[in-house]
C-alpha atoms as a PDB file:
ATOM      1  CA  MET A   1     162.953 198.258 -68.616  1.00  0.00           C
ATOM      2  CA  GLN A   2     165.263 197.615 -71.474  1.00  0.00           C
ATOM      3  CA  GLU A   3     164.394 200.536 -73.380  1.00  0.00           C
ATOM      4  CA  SER A   4     164.530 203.055 -70.406  1.00  0.00           C
ATOM      5  CA  LEU A   5     168.279 201.630 -69.717  1.00  0.00           C
ATOM      6  CA  THR A   6     169.103 201.797 -73.289  1.00  0.00           C
ATOM      7  CA  ASN A   7     168.113 205.299 -73.326  1.00  0.00           C
ATOM      8  CA  ILE A   8     170.042 206.049 -70.029  1.00  0.00           C
ATOM      9  CA  ALA A   9     173.335 204.402 -71.683  1.00  0.00           C
ATOM     10  CA  ARG A  10     172.756 206.135 -74.792  1.00  0.00           C
ATOM     11  CA  HIS A  11     171.756 209.794 -73.734  1.00  0.00           C
ATOM     12  CA  SER A  12     171.912 210.764 -70.101  1.00  0.00           C
ATOM     13  CA  CYS A  13     175.528 210.775 -68.834  1.00  0.00           C
ATOM     14  CA  ALA A  14     174.087 209.559 -65.713  1.00  0.00           C
ATOM     15  CA  SER A  15     176.174 208.093 -62.862  1.00  0.00           C
ATOM     16  CA  ARG A  16     173.504 206.892 -60.839  1.00  0.00           C
ATOM     17  CA  ILE A  17     170.014 204.689 -61.958  1.00  0.00           C
ATOM     18  CA  GLU A  18     167.279 203.506 -59.395  1.00  0.00           C
ATOM     19  CA  ILE A  19     164.930 200.777 -60.623  1.00  0.00           C
ATOM     20  CA  LYS A  20     161.805 200.082 -58.407  1.00  0.00           C
ATOM     21  CA  LEU A  21     159.077 197.340 -59.678  1.00  0.00           C
ATOM     22  CA  SER A  22     155.946 197.379 -57.038  1.00  0.00           C
ATOM     23  CA  ARG A  23     152.482 196.157 -56.752  1.00  0.00           C
ATOM     24  CA  LEU A  24     150.069 198.601 -55.785  1.00  0.00           C
ATOM     25  CA  GLU A  25     146.691 197.063 -54.987  1.00  0.00           C
ATOM     26  CA  ASN A  26     145.542 196.079 -58.642  1.00  0.00           C
ATOM     27  CA  ALA A  27     148.298 197.607 -60.454  1.00  0.00           C
ATOM     28  CA  ILE A  28     152.095 197.110 -60.869  1.00  0.00           C
ATOM     29  CA  ASN A  29     154.149 200.110 -60.759  1.00  0.00           C
ATOM     30  CA  PHE A  30     157.524 200.128 -62.618  1.00  0.00           C
ATOM     31  CA  ARG A  31     159.743 203.318 -61.871  1.00  0.00           C
ATOM     32  CA  ILE A  32     163.335 203.878 -63.309  1.00  0.00           C
ATOM     33  CA  ALA A  33     165.175 207.360 -62.473  1.00  0.00           C
ATOM     34  CA  ASP A  34     168.560 208.458 -63.134  1.00  0.00           C
ATOM     35  CA  ASN A  35     170.733 211.687 -62.304  1.00  0.00           C
ATOM     36  CA  GLY A  36     171.634 212.444 -65.665  1.00  0.00           C
ATOM     37  CA  VAL A  37     171.414 215.269 -68.161  1.00  0.00           C
ATOM     38  CA  GLY A  38     167.270 215.079 -68.470  1.00  0.00           C
ATOM     39  CA  ILE A  39     165.357 214.768 -71.654  1.00  0.00           C
ATOM     40  CA  PRO A  40     164.516 218.125 -73.415  1.00  0.00           C
ATOM     41  CA  GLU A  41     160.942 218.695 -73.672  1.00  0.00           C
ATOM     42  CA  ALA A  42     161.023 218.927 -77.482  1.00  0.00           C
ATOM     43  CA  LYS A  43     162.812 215.296 -77.866  1.00  0.00           C
ATOM     44  CA  GLN A  44     160.127 213.873 -75.391  1.00  0.00           C
ATOM     45  CA  ASN A  45     157.457 215.280 -77.999  1.00  0.00           C
ATOM     46  CA  SER A  46     159.272 214.356 -81.062  1.00  0.00           C
ATOM     47  CA  LYS A  47     157.782 212.029 -83.291  1.00  0.00           C
ATOM     48  CA  LYS A  48     161.382 210.765 -83.897  1.00  0.00           C
ATOM     49  CA  SER A  49     161.862 209.583 -80.437  1.00  0.00           C
ATOM     50  CA  PHE A  50     160.826 206.131 -81.531  1.00  0.00           C
ATOM     51  CA  GLY A  51     161.889 204.236 -78.283  1.00  0.00           C
ATOM     52  CA  LEU A  52     159.491 206.825 -76.144  1.00  0.00           C
ATOM     53  CA  ILE A  53     156.729 206.358 -78.568  1.00  0.00           C
ATOM     54  CA  GLY A  54     157.114 202.570 -78.353  1.00  0.00           C
ATOM     55  CA  MET A  55     157.207 202.556 -74.404  1.00  0.00           C
ATOM     56  CA  HIS A  56     154.198 204.772 -74.459  1.00  0.00           C
ATOM     57  CA  GLU A  57     152.386 202.753 -77.101  1.00  0.00           C
ATOM     58  CA  ARG A  58     152.952 199.319 -75.268  1.00  0.00           C
ATOM     59  CA  ALA A  59     151.631 200.906 -72.114  1.00  0.00           C
ATOM     60  CA  ILE A  60     148.595 201.540 -73.935  1.00  0.00           C
ATOM     61  CA  THR A  61     148.436 198.234 -75.117  1.00  0.00           C
ATOM     62  CA  LEU A  62     148.546 196.668 -71.746  1.00  0.00           C
ATOM     63  CA  GLY A  63     145.769 199.209 -70.507  1.00  0.00           C
ATOM     64  CA  GLY A  64     148.601 201.302 -68.426  1.00  0.00           C
ATOM     65  CA  THR A  65     149.865 204.804 -68.052  1.00  0.00           C
ATOM     66  CA  PHE A  66     153.393 206.088 -68.916  1.00  0.00           C
ATOM     67  CA  GLU A  67     154.757 209.412 -67.611  1.00  0.00           C
ATOM     68  CA  ILE A  68     158.336 210.921 -68.215  1.00  0.00           C
ATOM     69  CA  ASN A  69     158.911 213.799 -65.670  1.00  0.00           C
ATOM     70  CA  SER A  70     162.576 215.637 -66.524  1.00  0.00           C
ATOM     71  CA  GLU A  71     164.478 218.593 -65.825  1.00  0.00           C
ATOM     72  CA  SER A  72     167.618 219.512 -67.513  1.00  0.00           C
ATOM     73  CA  GLY A  73     170.825 218.780 -65.230  1.00  0.00           C
ATOM     74  CA  LYS A  74     168.530 216.822 -62.534  1.00  0.00           C
ATOM     75  CA  GLY A  75     167.877 213.754 -64.370  1.00  0.00           C
ATOM     76  CA  THR A  76     164.715 211.802 -65.528  1.00  0.00           C
ATOM     77  CA  VAL A  77     162.079 209.572 -63.962  1.00  0.00           C
ATOM     78  CA  VAL A  78     159.814 207.011 -66.176  1.00  0.00           C
ATOM     79  CA  ASN A  79     156.657 205.481 -64.219  1.00  0.00           C
ATOM     80  CA  LEU A  80     154.680 203.017 -66.064  1.00  0.00           C
ATOM     81  CA  ASN A  81     151.496 201.922 -64.262  1.00  0.00           C
ATOM     82  CA  PHE A  82     149.670 198.271 -65.526  1.00  0.00           C
ATOM     83  CA  PRO A  83     146.762 197.072 -64.217  1.00  0.00           C
ATOM     84  CA  VAL A  84     146.606 193.388 -62.811  1.00  0.00           C
ATOM     85  CA  GLN A  85     143.250 191.552 -62.904  1.00  0.00           C
ATOM     86  CA  LEU A  86     145.048 188.519 -61.040  1.00  0.00           C
ATOM     87  CA  PRO A  87     146.734 188.001 -58.246  1.00  0.00           C
ATOM     88  CA  VAL A  88     150.717 188.229 -58.906  1.00  0.00           C
ATOM     89  CA  SER A  89     150.890 184.232 -57.535  1.00  0.00           C
ATOM     90  CA  ASP A  90     148.224 183.390 -60.857  1.00  0.00           C
ATOM     91  CA  LEU A  91     150.480 185.388 -62.899  1.00  0.00           C
ATOM     92  CA  LEU A  92     153.668 183.688 -61.936  1.00  0.00           C
ATOM     93  CA  ASN A  93     152.161 180.578 -62.259  1.00  0.00           C
ATOM     94  CA  GLU A  94     150.875 181.064 -66.151  1.00  0.00           C
ATOM     95  CA  SER A  95     154.154 181.869 -67.053  1.00  0.00           C
ATOM     96  CA  SER A  96     155.753 178.661 -65.863  1.00  0.00           C
END
């Protein structure tokens, strides 16, 4: 979430951000959307886009998926999905 918000603040010129975190059966879904300028496909795939690369690598490390959907002038949506083996209540108790 932090990297997504940093990218939005630095690059998107967005006036609205929507953040959604939800549990879907055995997965956690994180979605963040903005109404900014969008991310050009060349930047999405650039080896110099370290923030996006880092988010993708962290998702893979956790067994998850990372997806960006962006359209010029219509904003960007970032979706992250992570598998969950334990009930959420057990996860919360472990971090206490």
